[in-house]
């Protein structure tokens, strides 16, 4: 989180497009969603995780709403030496940095070390998630064998087309929106409808229909193309 915040604040100091692209290519924020998934998996069973994942994902929308209000306030700050868009990165980056320090001292790396749980509650939390078989009692040592296992896992490779689907729909809808006036909202609705179709495929198709499920998973992430469109 601190590294992602540093790169975010660095946006305020870069001027050329080449510098900005190189800054974005570091992609430290790409670890945020997998990190949330890992933390959720530490404290909840597999049957409980989907609703908890959805809960923190809704937090993105809440953050956008609050962020819009904060951005409006920052937009009314007039400083000659610093542009308003630079202030946006600096102020929000500082807030993220302060929150990262709080998490460093309070966010546990396992239920057994959770400072907000009593000793008996920690034992219960560990016992509940043992059936997940996701390494709750892991020693914390990095194991290259697990990396190799992940590379060999076909599920890892089947998840990659999700990013490709997002990019394709982003290029199509943003290109159309730039050609047709006042069509951006329509394109965002279209991307959302495609995502809903993907979710319906995941929900309604039989578990044996792996190809259909993967297709639904790829389409389900298309809504992310709305972020740059907005």
Protein backbone atom coordinates (compact mmCIF):
# COMPACT_ATOMS: atom_id res chain seq x y z
CA UNK A 1 0.00 0.00 0.00
CA UNK A 2 2.79 2.42 0.88
CA UNK A 3 4.56 1.72 -2.41
CA UNK A 4 1.35 2.26 -4.38
CA UNK A 5 0.80 5.51 -2.48
CA UNK A 6 4.36 6.66 -3.26
CA UNK A 7 3.82 6.05 -6.97
CA UNK A 8 0.47 7.84 -6.77
CA UNK A 9 2.09 10.92 -5.22
CA UNK A 10 4.87 10.73 -7.81
CA UNK A 11 2.21 11.42 -10.45
CA UNK A 12 2.20 15.01 -9.22
CA UNK A 13 5.88 15.44 -10.09
CA UNK A 14 5.97 13.94 -13.59
CA UNK A 15 5.23 16.15 -16.54
CA UNK A 16 5.93 14.28 -19.75
CA UNK A 17 3.67 11.52 -21.02
CA UNK A 18 6.62 9.10 -21.24
CA UNK A 19 7.37 9.61 -17.54
CA UNK A 20 3.73 9.13 -16.63
CA UNK A 21 3.50 5.90 -18.65
CA UNK A 22 6.64 4.51 -17.01
CA UNK A 23 5.21 5.42 -13.61
CA UNK A 24 1.97 3.56 -14.39
CA UNK A 25 3.80 0.51 -15.72
CA UNK A 26 5.05 -0.28 -12.21
CA UNK A 27 1.45 -1.27 -11.38
CA UNK A 28 1.91 -1.66 -7.64
CA UNK A 29 -1.83 -1.10 -7.12
CA UNK A 30 -2.43 -4.33 -9.03
CA UNK A 31 -1.69 -6.21 -5.79
CA UNK A 32 -4.56 -4.54 -3.88
CA UNK A 33 -7.43 -6.78 -5.02
CA UNK A 34 -5.48 -10.07 -4.62
CA UNK A 35 -4.33 -8.83 -1.22
CA UNK A 36 -7.91 -8.19 -0.13
CA UNK A 37 -8.85 -11.68 -1.33
CA UNK A 38 -6.05 -13.24 0.71
CA UNK A 39 -7.02 -11.32 3.85
CA UNK A 40 -10.66 -12.31 3.42
CA UNK A 41 -9.63 -15.95 3.00
CA UNK A 42 -7.73 -15.86 6.29
CA UNK A 43 -10.80 -15.13 8.38
CA UNK A 44 -13.73 -16.63 6.48
CA UNK A 45 -14.64 -20.03 5.09
CA UNK A 46 -15.11 -20.57 1.36
CA UNK A 47 -18.91 -20.38 1.68
CA UNK A 48 -18.61 -17.05 3.54
CA UNK A 49 -16.05 -15.42 1.29
CA UNK A 50 -18.24 -14.33 -1.70
CA UNK A 51 -20.47 -12.05 0.38
CA UNK A 52 -17.43 -10.60 2.21
CA UNK A 53 -15.59 -10.06 -1.06
CA UNK A 54 -18.66 -8.25 -2.41
CA UNK A 55 -18.80 -6.12 0.74
CA UNK A 56 -15.28 -4.73 0.41
CA UNK A 57 -15.71 -4.39 -3.35
CA UNK A 58 -18.71 -2.14 -2.74
CA UNK A 59 -16.28 -0.03 -0.75
CA UNK A 60 -14.70 1.00 -4.07
CA UNK A 61 -17.95 2.66 -5.09
CA UNK A 62 -18.26 4.38 -1.72
CA UNK A 63 -14.68 5.60 -2.05
CA UNK A 64 -15.47 7.02 -5.48
CA UNK A 65 -18.43 8.94 -4.06
CA UNK A 66 -16.38 10.34 -1.19
CA UNK A 67 -13.41 10.90 -3.48
CA UNK A 68 -15.57 13.01 -5.78
CA UNK A 69 -16.52 15.28 -2.89
CA UNK A 70 -12.89 15.52 -1.77
CA UNK A 71 -11.78 16.24 -5.34
CA UNK A 72 -14.39 19.02 -5.55
CA UNK A 73 -13.03 20.55 -2.37
CA UNK A 74 -9.44 20.29 -3.57
CA UNK A 75 -10.51 21.87 -6.86
CA UNK A 76 -11.47 24.98 -4.93
CA UNK A 77 -7.96 25.33 -3.47
CA UNK A 78 -6.01 27.88 -5.48
CA UNK A 79 -2.23 27.73 -5.11
CA UNK A 80 -0.09 29.33 -7.78
CA UNK A 81 2.90 27.01 -7.37
CA UNK A 82 0.93 23.75 -7.53
CA UNK A 83 -1.78 22.79 -10.02
CA UNK A 84 -5.08 21.51 -8.66
CA UNK A 85 -4.63 18.07 -10.23
CA UNK A 86 -1.25 17.79 -8.51
CA UNK A 87 -2.83 18.68 -5.18
CA UNK A 88 -5.30 15.84 -5.73
CA UNK A 89 -2.50 13.26 -5.91
CA UNK A 90 -0.55 14.80 -3.03
CA UNK A 91 -3.43 15.10 -0.57
CA UNK A 92 -5.10 11.76 -1.31
CA UNK A 93 -1.68 10.11 -1.39
CA UNK A 94 -0.89 11.48 2.05
CA UNK A 95 -4.20 10.15 3.41
CA UNK A 96 -3.42 6.71 1.97
CA UNK A 97 0.07 6.85 3.47
CA UNK A 98 -1.30 7.63 6.95
CA UNK A 99 -3.83 4.81 6.65
CA UNK A 100 -1.06 2.45 5.55
CA UNK A 101 0.85 3.18 8.76
CA UNK A 102 -2.25 2.32 10.80
CA UNK A 103 -2.69 -0.95 8.91
CA UNK A 104 0.98 -1.83 9.42
CA UNK A 105 0.41 -2.00 13.17
CA UNK A 106 -3.14 -3.38 13.23
CA UNK A 107 -3.57 -5.69 10.21
CA UNK A 108 -2.48 -9.25 11.12
CA UNK A 109 -0.82 -11.70 8.75
CA UNK A 110 -2.87 -14.55 10.27
CA UNK A 111 -5.87 -14.94 12.61
CA UNK A 112 -3.51 -16.18 15.32
CA UNK A 113 -1.92 -12.71 15.47
CA UNK A 114 -5.09 -10.62 15.26
CA UNK A 115 -4.82 -7.91 17.93
CA UNK A 116 -8.56 -7.22 17.78
CA UNK A 117 -9.44 -10.80 18.82
CA UNK A 118 -9.25 -12.41 22.24
CA UNK A 119 -7.01 -15.50 22.62
CA UNK A 120 -9.97 -17.91 22.52
CA UNK A 121 -11.42 -16.06 19.51
CA UNK A 122 -8.10 -16.41 17.67
CA UNK A 123 -8.18 -20.17 18.22
CA UNK A 124 -11.74 -20.33 16.90
CA UNK A 125 -10.83 -18.22 13.86
CA UNK A 126 -7.91 -20.51 12.99
CA UNK A 127 -9.99 -23.66 13.49
CA UNK A 128 -12.83 -22.34 11.27
CA UNK A 129 -10.57 -21.66 8.29
CA UNK A 130 -8.46 -24.83 8.43
CA UNK A 131 -10.87 -26.54 6.05
CA UNK A 132 -10.07 -23.89 3.40
CA UNK A 133 -6.60 -25.46 3.07
CA UNK A 134 -5.12 -22.09 2.13
CA UNK A 135 -2.11 -22.05 4.44
CA UNK A 136 -3.50 -20.41 7.56
CA UNK A 137 -0.72 -22.02 9.59
CA UNK A 138 1.97 -21.21 7.03
CA UNK A 139 5.43 -20.43 8.38
CA UNK A 140 5.70 -17.26 6.31
CA UNK A 141 8.64 -18.49 4.25
CA UNK A 142 8.58 -17.92 0.50
CA UNK A 143 8.50 -21.24 -1.35
CA UNK A 144 9.52 -21.40 -5.02
CA UNK A 145 7.80 -24.74 -5.30
CA UNK A 146 4.47 -23.03 -4.74
CA UNK A 147 5.32 -20.49 -7.47
CA UNK A 148 6.03 -23.33 -9.88
CA UNK A 149 2.78 -25.02 -8.85
CA UNK A 150 0.85 -21.80 -9.58
CA UNK A 151 2.49 -21.49 -13.00
CA UNK A 152 1.50 -25.06 -13.86
CA UNK A 153 -2.07 -24.51 -12.68
CA UNK A 154 -4.34 -24.01 -15.70
CA UNK A 155 -6.70 -21.87 -13.63
CA UNK A 156 -3.97 -19.22 -13.42
CA UNK A 157 -3.73 -18.98 -17.20
CA UNK A 158 -7.50 -19.09 -17.70
CA UNK A 159 -7.85 -15.98 -15.52
CA UNK A 160 -5.57 -13.91 -17.76
CA UNK A 161 -8.13 -13.35 -20.56
CA UNK A 162 -10.14 -11.25 -18.09
CA UNK A 163 -7.70 -8.38 -18.57
CA UNK A 164 -7.80 -8.87 -22.33
CA UNK A 165 -11.60 -8.68 -22.37
CA UNK A 166 -11.51 -5.46 -20.35
CA UNK A 167 -8.99 -3.93 -22.76
CA UNK A 168 -11.00 -4.92 -25.85
CA UNK A 169 -14.24 -3.44 -24.53
CA UNK A 170 -12.41 -0.33 -23.31
CA UNK A 171 -10.96 0.29 -26.76
CA UNK A 172 -14.27 -0.38 -28.51
CA UNK A 173 -16.47 1.71 -26.24
CA UNK A 174 -14.02 4.58 -25.74
CA UNK A 175 -13.44 4.75 -29.49
CA UNK A 176 -17.16 4.84 -30.16
CA UNK A 177 -17.70 7.42 -27.42
CA UNK A 178 -15.04 9.68 -28.94
CA UNK A 179 -16.70 9.48 -32.38
CA UNK A 180 -20.32 9.88 -31.34
CA UNK A 181 -21.11 12.94 -29.17
CA UNK A 182 -22.86 12.38 -25.83
CA UNK A 183 -22.60 8.59 -26.05
CA UNK A 184 -20.21 7.95 -23.16
CA UNK A 185 -22.96 7.13 -20.64
CA UNK A 186 -24.58 4.79 -23.17
CA UNK A 187 -21.27 2.97 -23.60
CA UNK A 188 -20.92 2.65 -19.83
CA UNK A 189 -24.40 1.14 -19.64
CA UNK A 190 -23.42 -1.28 -22.41
CA UNK A 191 -20.29 -2.38 -20.51
CA UNK A 192 -22.36 -2.88 -17.35
CA UNK A 193 -24.89 -4.97 -19.29
CA UNK A 194 -22.07 -7.17 -20.63
CA UNK A 195 -20.80 -7.67 -17.08
CA UNK A 196 -24.28 -8.60 -15.88
CA UNK A 197 -24.49 -11.15 -18.71
CA UNK A 198 -21.21 -12.65 -17.52
CA UNK A 199 -22.50 -12.89 -13.96
CA UNK A 200 -25.68 -14.58 -15.18
CA UNK A 201 -23.58 -17.16 -17.03
CA UNK A 202 -21.63 -17.93 -13.87
CA UNK A 203 -24.83 -18.15 -11.84
CA UNK A 204 -27.01 -20.20 -14.16
CA UNK A 205 -24.62 -22.53 -15.99
CA UNK A 206 -23.92 -25.98 -14.59
CA UNK A 207 -20.65 -26.48 -12.75
CA UNK A 208 -19.59 -28.96 -15.43
CA UNK A 209 -19.74 -26.23 -18.10
CA UNK A 210 -16.22 -24.96 -17.48
CA UNK A 211 -15.90 -23.09 -20.80
CA UNK A 212 -19.13 -21.22 -20.17
CA UNK A 213 -18.08 -20.35 -16.63
CA UNK A 214 -14.73 -18.99 -17.82
CA UNK A 215 -16.52 -16.96 -20.53
CA UNK A 216 -18.83 -15.52 -17.90
CA UNK A 217 -15.85 -14.70 -15.69
CA UNK A 218 -14.14 -12.82 -18.54
CA UNK A 219 -17.29 -10.88 -19.39
CA UNK A 220 -17.98 -10.19 -15.73
CA UNK A 221 -14.90 -7.99 -15.48
CA UNK A 222 -15.83 -5.76 -18.44
CA UNK A 223 -17.45 -3.21 -16.10
CA UNK A 224 -13.91 -2.10 -15.16
CA UNK A 225 -13.70 -0.42 -18.57
CA UNK A 226 -16.16 2.15 -17.19
CA UNK A 227 -13.53 3.53 -14.81
CA UNK A 228 -11.43 5.31 -17.50
CA UNK A 229 -14.62 6.18 -19.40
CA UNK A 230 -16.00 8.00 -16.36
